[in-house]
Amino acid sequence: MIGAIVETKELLETVFFASVSGIGMTLIFSLAIYGSTRYADLSRDQRPVAATAAAALAIFAFLASLALVVIGIVVMTSK
């Protein structure tokens, strides 16, 4: 009876992909925070090359997190 009401395969698939995307988004955004704090520390210590690399990491990770948000919105609205 309950098997006909609840699609267990689709439910487990949804839980799996939601968990993976949530963990992935958290890790990517944490890289953006890490890069921005390292940029501030390294620029204060007069290390411009390392500060530029940290800023590039922060910008890339922030843009990747924005792209993931847009992809998530597109996927949710297309189904």
PDB file of N, CA and C in Angstrom:
ATOM      1  N   MET A   1       0.827  -1.199   0.000  1.00  0.00           N
ATOM      2  CA  MET A   1       0.000   0.000   0.000  1.00  0.00           C
ATOM      3  C   MET A   1       0.867   1.257   0.000  1.00  0.00           C
ATOM      4  N   ILE A   2       1.821   1.345   0.940  1.00  0.00           N
ATOM      5  CA  ILE A   2       2.637   2.554   1.017  1.00  0.00           C
ATOM      6  C   ILE A   2       3.612   2.633  -0.154  1.00  0.00           C
ATOM      7  N   GLY A   3       3.983   1.496  -0.725  1.00  0.00           N
ATOM      8  CA  GLY A   3       4.869   1.496  -1.879  1.00  0.00           C
ATOM      9  C   GLY A   3       4.239   2.163  -3.085  1.00  0.00           C
ATOM     10  N   ALA A   4       2.944   2.110  -3.175  1.00  0.00           N
ATOM     11  CA  ALA A   4       2.253   2.749  -4.293  1.00  0.00           C
ATOM     12  C   ALA A   4       2.151   4.263  -4.088  1.00  0.00           C
ATOM     13  N   ILE A   5       2.162   4.710  -2.853  1.00  0.00           N
ATOM     14  CA  ILE A   5       2.025   6.133  -2.564  1.00  0.00           C
ATOM     15  C   ILE A   5       3.377   6.842  -2.663  1.00  0.00           C
ATOM     16  N   VAL A   6       4.409   6.224  -2.098  1.00  0.00           N
ATOM     17  CA  VAL A   6       5.724   6.841  -2.045  1.00  0.00           C
ATOM     18  C   VAL A   6       6.645   6.163  -3.053  1.00  0.00           C
ATOM     19  N   GLU A   7       7.239   6.945  -3.926  1.00  0.00           N
ATOM     20  CA  GLU A   7       8.220   6.447  -4.872  1.00  0.00           C
ATOM     21  C   GLU A   7       9.571   6.436  -4.164  1.00  0.00           C
ATOM     22  N   THR A   8       9.961   5.290  -3.613  1.00  0.00           N
ATOM     23  CA  THR A   8      11.156   5.236  -2.776  1.00  0.00           C
ATOM     24  C   THR A   8      12.433   5.501  -3.571  1.00  0.00           C
ATOM     25  N   LYS A   9      12.495   5.029  -4.797  1.00  0.00           N
ATOM     26  CA  LYS A   9      13.700   5.263  -5.596  1.00  0.00           C
ATOM     27  C   LYS A   9      13.905   6.752  -5.840  1.00  0.00           C
ATOM     28  N   GLU A  10      12.866   7.464  -6.234  1.00  0.00           N
ATOM     29  CA  GLU A  10      12.972   8.894  -6.475  1.00  0.00           C
ATOM     30  C   GLU A  10      13.240   9.661  -5.185  1.00  0.00           C
ATOM     31  N   LEU A  11      12.656   9.195  -4.090  1.00  0.00           N
ATOM     32  CA  LEU A  11      12.875   9.847  -2.806  1.00  0.00           C
ATOM     33  C   LEU A  11      14.331   9.708  -2.368  1.00  0.00           C
ATOM     34  N   LEU A  12      14.897   8.515  -2.476  1.00  0.00           N
ATOM     35  CA  LEU A  12      16.294   8.305  -2.112  1.00  0.00           C
ATOM     36  C   LEU A  12      17.230   9.070  -3.037  1.00  0.00           C
ATOM     37  N   GLU A  13      16.877   9.138  -4.305  1.00  0.00           N
ATOM     38  CA  GLU A  13      17.683   9.897  -5.259  1.00  0.00           C
ATOM     39  C   GLU A  13      17.685  11.381  -4.902  1.00  0.00           C
ATOM     40  N   THR A  14      16.539  11.894  -4.517  1.00  0.00           N
ATOM     41  CA  THR A  14      16.429  13.300  -4.127  1.00  0.00           C
ATOM     42  C   THR A  14      17.240  13.580  -2.877  1.00  0.00           C
ATOM     43  N   VAL A  15      17.168  12.704  -1.894  1.00  0.00           N
ATOM     44  CA  VAL A  15      17.925  12.887  -0.659  1.00  0.00           C
ATOM     45  C   VAL A  15      19.426  12.839  -0.946  1.00  0.00           C
ATOM     46  N   PHE A  16      19.863  11.912  -1.797  1.00  0.00           N
ATOM     47  CA  PHE A  16      21.277  11.785  -2.126  1.00  0.00           C
ATOM     48  C   PHE A  16      21.795  13.044  -2.819  1.00  0.00           C
ATOM     49  N   PHE A  17      21.098  13.486  -3.867  1.00  0.00           N
ATOM     50  CA  PHE A  17      21.573  14.648  -4.614  1.00  0.00           C
ATOM     51  C   PHE A  17      21.479  15.930  -3.799  1.00  0.00           C
ATOM     52  N   ALA A  18      20.496  16.033  -2.932  1.00  0.00           N
ATOM     53  CA  ALA A  18      20.405  17.211  -2.069  1.00  0.00           C
ATOM     54  C   ALA A  18      21.566  17.235  -1.081  1.00  0.00           C
ATOM     55  N   SER A  19      21.935  16.080  -0.558  1.00  0.00           N
ATOM     56  CA  SER A  19      23.066  16.013   0.372  1.00  0.00           C
ATOM     57  C   SER A  19      24.374  16.344  -0.329  1.00  0.00           C
ATOM     58  N   VAL A  20      24.584  15.760  -1.501  1.00  0.00           N
ATOM     59  CA  VAL A  20      25.823  16.019  -2.245  1.00  0.00           C
ATOM     60  C   VAL A  20      25.924  17.492  -2.634  1.00  0.00           C
ATOM     61  N   SER A  21      24.843  18.062  -3.122  1.00  0.00           N
ATOM     62  CA  SER A  21      24.902  19.466  -3.532  1.00  0.00           C
ATOM     63  C   SER A  21      25.055  20.396  -2.327  1.00  0.00           C
ATOM     64  N   GLY A  22      24.453  20.065  -1.222  1.00  0.00           N
ATOM     65  CA  GLY A  22      24.604  20.886  -0.020  1.00  0.00           C
ATOM     66  C   GLY A  22      26.021  20.867   0.513  1.00  0.00           C
ATOM     67  N   ILE A  23      26.625  19.692   0.563  1.00  0.00           N
ATOM     68  CA  ILE A  23      28.010  19.591   1.027  1.00  0.00           C
ATOM     69  C   ILE A  23      28.952  20.266   0.038  1.00  0.00           C
ATOM     70  N   GLY A  24      28.723  20.053  -1.261  1.00  0.00           N
ATOM     71  CA  GLY A  24      29.575  20.676  -2.272  1.00  0.00           C
ATOM     72  C   GLY A  24      29.493  22.190  -2.239  1.00  0.00           C
ATOM     73  N   MET A  25      28.296  22.714  -2.111  1.00  0.00           N
ATOM     74  CA  MET A  25      28.129  24.169  -2.057  1.00  0.00           C
ATOM     75  C   MET A  25      28.808  24.738  -0.819  1.00  0.00           C
ATOM     76  N   THR A  26      28.697  24.049   0.296  1.00  0.00           N
ATOM     77  CA  THR A  26      29.341  24.501   1.526  1.00  0.00           C
ATOM     78  C   THR A  26      30.855  24.532   1.369  1.00  0.00           C
ATOM     79  N   LEU A  27      31.425  23.488   0.767  1.00  0.00           N
ATOM     80  CA  LEU A  27      32.871  23.445   0.577  1.00  0.00           C
ATOM     81  C   LEU A  27      33.350  24.540  -0.376  1.00  0.00           C
ATOM     82  N   ILE A  28      32.633  24.759  -1.452  1.00  0.00           N
ATOM     83  CA  ILE A  28      33.052  25.786  -2.416  1.00  0.00           C
ATOM     84  C   ILE A  28      32.955  27.178  -1.797  1.00  0.00           C
ATOM     85  N   PHE A  29      31.894  27.454  -1.070  1.00  0.00           N
ATOM     86  CA  PHE A  29      31.770  28.773  -0.457  1.00  0.00           C
ATOM     87  C   PHE A  29      32.788  28.959   0.662  1.00  0.00           C
ATOM     88  N   SER A  30      33.142  27.863   1.353  1.00  0.00           N
ATOM     89  CA  SER A  30      34.179  27.986   2.381  1.00  0.00           C
ATOM     90  C   SER A  30      35.534  28.301   1.756  1.00  0.00           C
ATOM     91  N   LEU A  31      35.777  27.831   0.526  1.00  0.00           N
ATOM     92  CA  LEU A  31      36.999  28.220  -0.182  1.00  0.00           C
ATOM     93  C   LEU A  31      36.996  29.716  -0.498  1.00  0.00           C
ATOM     94  N   ALA A  32      35.846  30.261  -0.812  1.00  0.00           N
ATOM     95  CA  ALA A  32      35.755  31.701  -1.061  1.00  0.00           C
ATOM     96  C   ALA A  32      36.073  32.485   0.214  1.00  0.00           C
ATOM     97  N   ILE A  33      35.563  32.034   1.332  1.00  0.00           N
ATOM     98  CA  ILE A  33      35.855  32.705   2.602  1.00  0.00           C
ATOM     99  C   ILE A  33      37.326  32.557   2.962  1.00  0.00           C
ATOM    100  N   TYR A  34      37.870  31.364   2.764  1.00  0.00           N
ATOM    101  CA  TYR A  34      39.289  31.128   3.054  1.00  0.00           C
ATOM    102  C   TYR A  34      40.172  32.016   2.185  1.00  0.00           C
ATOM    103  N   GLY A  35      39.873  32.097   0.895  1.00  0.00           N
ATOM    104  CA  GLY A  35      40.670  32.923  -0.005  1.00  0.00           C
ATOM    105  C   GLY A  35      40.620  34.390   0.360  1.00  0.00           C
ATOM    106  N   SER A  36      39.453  34.860   0.751  1.00  0.00           N
ATOM    107  CA  SER A  36      39.349  36.283   1.096  1.00  0.00           C
ATOM    108  C   SER A  36      40.084  36.605   2.400  1.00  0.00           C
ATOM    109  N   THR A  37      40.033  35.721   3.372  1.00  0.00           N
ATOM    110  CA  THR A  37      40.764  35.982   4.612  1.00  0.00           C
ATOM    111  C   THR A  37      42.273  35.855   4.403  1.00  0.00           C
ATOM    112  N   ARG A  38      42.687  34.886   3.580  1.00  0.00           N
ATOM    113  CA  ARG A  38      44.118  34.764   3.275  1.00  0.00           C
ATOM    114  C   ARG A  38      44.605  35.983   2.508  1.00  0.00           C
ATOM    115  N   TYR A  39      43.779  36.509   1.600  1.00  0.00           N
ATOM    116  CA  TYR A  39      44.146  37.720   0.872  1.00  0.00           C
ATOM    117  C   TYR A  39      44.390  38.873   1.843  1.00  0.00           C
ATOM    118  N   ALA A  40      43.506  39.043   2.803  1.00  0.00           N
ATOM    119  CA  ALA A  40      43.667  40.126   3.769  1.00  0.00           C
ATOM    120  C   ALA A  40      44.938  39.946   4.594  1.00  0.00           C
ATOM    121  N   ASP A  41      45.199  38.730   5.043  1.00  0.00           N
ATOM    122  CA  ASP A  41      46.401  38.468   5.834  1.00  0.00           C
ATOM    123  C   ASP A  41      47.674  38.664   5.016  1.00  0.00           C
ATOM    124  N   LEU A  42      47.690  38.132   3.809  1.00  0.00           N
ATOM    125  CA  LEU A  42      48.898  38.207   2.992  1.00  0.00           C
ATOM    126  C   LEU A  42      49.164  39.617   2.478  1.00  0.00           C
ATOM    127  N   SER A  43      48.130  40.360   2.177  1.00  0.00           N
ATOM    128  CA  SER A  43      48.362  41.742   1.735  1.00  0.00           C
ATOM    129  C   SER A  43      48.849  42.608   2.891  1.00  0.00           C
ATOM    130  N   ARG A  44      48.412  42.294   4.092  1.00  0.00           N
ATOM    131  CA  ARG A  44      48.892  43.012   5.275  1.00  0.00           C
ATOM    132  C   ARG A  44      50.358  42.696   5.553  1.00  0.00           C
ATOM    133  N   ASP A  45      50.782  41.469   5.197  1.00  0.00           N
ATOM    134  CA  ASP A  45      52.168  41.048   5.414  1.00  0.00           C
ATOM    135  C   ASP A  45      53.086  41.406   4.246  1.00  0.00           C
ATOM    136  N   GLN A  46      52.600  42.211   3.312  1.00  0.00           N
ATOM    137  CA  GLN A  46      53.389  42.659   2.163  1.00  0.00           C
ATOM    138  C   GLN A  46      53.871  41.498   1.294  1.00  0.00           C
ATOM    139  N   ARG A  47      52.968  40.567   0.995  1.00  0.00           N
ATOM    140  CA  ARG A  47      53.264  39.438   0.106  1.00  0.00           C
ATOM    141  C   ARG A  47      52.292  39.499  -1.067  1.00  0.00           C
ATOM    142  N   PRO A  48      52.584  40.314  -2.081  1.00  0.00           N
ATOM    143  CA  PRO A  48      51.602  40.585  -3.138  1.00  0.00           C
ATOM    144  C   PRO A  48      51.323  39.398  -4.053  1.00  0.00           C
ATOM    145  N   VAL A  49      52.308  38.547  -4.325  1.00  0.00           N
ATOM    146  CA  VAL A  49      52.067  37.415  -5.226  1.00  0.00           C
ATOM    147  C   VAL A  49      51.130  36.400  -4.579  1.00  0.00           C
ATOM    148  N   ALA A  50      51.412  36.063  -3.335  1.00  0.00           N
ATOM    149  CA  ALA A  50      50.558  35.121  -2.618  1.00  0.00           C
ATOM    150  C   ALA A  50      49.171  35.726  -2.368  1.00  0.00           C
ATOM    151  N   ALA A  51      49.117  37.028  -2.121  1.00  0.00           N
ATOM    152  CA  ALA A  51      47.832  37.685  -1.915  1.00  0.00           C
ATOM    153  C   ALA A  51      47.001  37.658  -3.193  1.00  0.00           C
ATOM    154  N   THR A  52      47.649  37.820  -4.333  1.00  0.00           N
ATOM    155  CA  THR A  52      46.933  37.762  -5.605  1.00  0.00           C
ATOM    156  C   THR A  52      46.382  36.361  -5.859  1.00  0.00           C
ATOM    157  N   ALA A  53      47.169  35.346  -5.523  1.00  0.00           N
ATOM    158  CA  ALA A  53      46.692  33.970  -5.681  1.00  0.00           C
ATOM    159  C   ALA A  53      45.504  33.692  -4.764  1.00  0.00           C
ATOM    160  N   ALA A  54      45.554  34.191  -3.543  1.00  0.00           N
ATOM    161  CA  ALA A  54      44.436  34.000  -2.620  1.00  0.00           C
ATOM    162  C   ALA A  54      43.196  34.745  -3.101  1.00  0.00           C
ATOM    163  N   ALA A  55      43.389  35.934  -3.660  1.00  0.00           N
ATOM    164  CA  ALA A  55      42.253  36.689  -4.196  1.00  0.00           C
ATOM    165  C   ALA A  55      41.645  35.973  -5.395  1.00  0.00           C
ATOM    166  N   ALA A  56      42.499  35.382  -6.230  1.00  0.00           N
ATOM    167  CA  ALA A  56      41.990  34.626  -7.380  1.00  0.00           C
ATOM    168  C   ALA A  56      41.180  33.419  -6.921  1.00  0.00           C
ATOM    169  N   LEU A  57      41.659  32.735  -5.872  1.00  0.00           N
ATOM    170  CA  LEU A  57      40.903  31.614  -5.312  1.00  0.00           C
ATOM    171  C   LEU A  57      39.552  32.080  -4.789  1.00  0.00           C
ATOM    172  N   ALA A  58      39.541  33.192  -4.078  1.00  0.00           N
ATOM    173  CA  ALA A  58      38.289  33.709  -3.514  1.00  0.00           C
ATOM    174  C   ALA A  58      37.306  34.081  -4.620  1.00  0.00           C
ATOM    175  N   ILE A  59      37.785  34.744  -5.652  1.00  0.00           N
ATOM    176  CA  ILE A  59      36.901  35.158  -6.741  1.00  0.00           C
ATOM    177  C   ILE A  59      36.368  33.953  -7.503  1.00  0.00           C
ATOM    178  N   PHE A  60      37.258  33.014  -7.810  1.00  0.00           N
ATOM    179  CA  PHE A  60      36.837  31.821  -8.536  1.00  0.00           C
ATOM    180  C   PHE A  60      35.811  31.017  -7.743  1.00  0.00           C
ATOM    181  N   ALA A  61      36.052  30.818  -6.453  1.00  0.00           N
ATOM    182  CA  ALA A  61      35.126  30.047  -5.629  1.00  0.00           C
ATOM    183  C   ALA A  61      33.793  30.772  -5.467  1.00  0.00           C
ATOM    184  N   PHE A  62      33.836  32.093  -5.344  1.00  0.00           N
ATOM    185  CA  PHE A  62      32.580  32.842  -5.221  1.00  0.00           C
ATOM    186  C   PHE A  62      31.766  32.759  -6.506  1.00  0.00           C
ATOM    187  N   LEU A  63      32.432  32.894  -7.650  1.00  0.00           N
ATOM    188  CA  LEU A  63      31.721  32.769  -8.928  1.00  0.00           C
ATOM    189  C   LEU A  63      31.183  31.354  -9.133  1.00  0.00           C
ATOM    190  N   ALA A  64      31.933  30.350  -8.677  1.00  0.00           N
ATOM    191  CA  ALA A  64      31.451  28.969  -8.775  1.00  0.00           C
ATOM    192  C   ALA A  64      30.228  28.755  -7.899  1.00  0.00           C
ATOM    193  N   SER A  65      30.211  29.351  -6.719  1.00  0.00           N
ATOM    194  CA  SER A  65      29.041  29.201  -5.855  1.00  0.00           C
ATOM    195  C   SER A  65      27.830  29.923  -6.442  1.00  0.00           C
ATOM    196  N   LEU A  66      28.060  31.078  -7.069  1.00  0.00           N
ATOM    197  CA  LEU A  66      26.946  31.756  -7.742  1.00  0.00           C
ATOM    198  C   LEU A  66      26.423  30.920  -8.908  1.00  0.00           C
ATOM    199  N   ALA A  67      27.327  30.291  -9.641  1.00  0.00           N
ATOM    200  CA  ALA A  67      26.912  29.443 -10.756  1.00  0.00           C
ATOM    201  C   ALA A  67      26.097  28.256 -10.251  1.00  0.00           C
ATOM    202  N   LEU A  68      26.489  27.682  -9.129  1.00  0.00           N
ATOM    203  CA  LEU A  68      25.725  26.563  -8.566  1.00  0.00           C
ATOM    204  C   LEU A  68      24.329  26.990  -8.140  1.00  0.00           C
ATOM    205  N   VAL A  69      24.211  28.182  -7.603  1.00  0.00           N
ATOM    206  CA  VAL A  69      22.889  28.684  -7.220  1.00  0.00           C
ATOM    207  C   VAL A  69      22.009  28.851  -8.458  1.00  0.00           C
ATOM    208  N   VAL A  70      22.570  29.424  -9.511  1.00  0.00           N
ATOM    209  CA  VAL A  70      21.805  29.618 -10.743  1.00  0.00           C
ATOM    210  C   VAL A  70      21.403  28.273 -11.341  1.00  0.00           C
ATOM    211  N   ILE A  71      22.333  27.323 -11.374  1.00  0.00           N
ATOM    212  CA  ILE A  71      22.023  25.989 -11.887  1.00  0.00           C
ATOM    213  C   ILE A  71      20.921  25.333 -11.068  1.00  0.00           C
ATOM    214  N   GLY A  72      20.993  25.488  -9.746  1.00  0.00           N
ATOM    215  CA  GLY A  72      19.952  24.925  -8.887  1.00  0.00           C
ATOM    216  C   GLY A  72      18.589  25.531  -9.148  1.00  0.00           C
ATOM    217  N   ILE A  73      18.535  26.827  -9.368  1.00  0.00           N
ATOM    218  CA  ILE A  73      17.258  27.487  -9.656  1.00  0.00           C
ATOM    219  C   ILE A  73      16.716  27.019 -10.996  1.00  0.00           C
ATOM    220  N   VAL A  74      17.591  26.898 -11.992  1.00  0.00           N
ATOM    221  CA  VAL A  74      17.158  26.440 -13.311  1.00  0.00           C
ATOM    222  C   VAL A  74      16.625  25.012 -13.232  1.00  0.00           C
ATOM    223  N   VAL A  75      17.317  24.136 -12.505  1.00  0.00           N
ATOM    224  CA  VAL A  75      16.861  22.749 -12.378  1.00  0.00           C
ATOM    225  C   VAL A  75      15.528  22.684 -11.648  1.00  0.00           C
ATOM    226  N   MET A  76      15.360  23.463 -10.590  1.00  0.00           N
ATOM    227  CA  MET A  76      14.106  23.430  -9.841  1.00  0.00           C
ATOM    228  C   MET A  76      12.924  23.959 -10.652  1.00  0.00           C
ATOM    229  N   THR A  77      13.160  24.973 -11.456  1.00  0.00           N
ATOM    230  CA  THR A  77      12.054  25.546 -12.208  1.00  0.00           C
ATOM    231  C   THR A  77      11.741  24.778 -13.487  1.00  0.00           C
ATOM    232  N   SER A  78      12.661  23.938 -13.939  1.00  0.00           N
ATOM    233  CA  SER A  78      12.410  23.207 -15.174  1.00  0.00           C
ATOM    234  C   SER A  78      11.646  21.911 -14.952  1.00  0.00           C
ATOM    235  N   LYS A  79      11.520  21.457 -13.740  1.00  0.00           N
ATOM    236  CA  LYS A  79      10.819  20.188 -13.471  1.00  0.00           C
ATOM    237  C   LYS A  79       9.406  20.420 -13.045  1.00  0.00           C
TER     238      LYS A  79
END
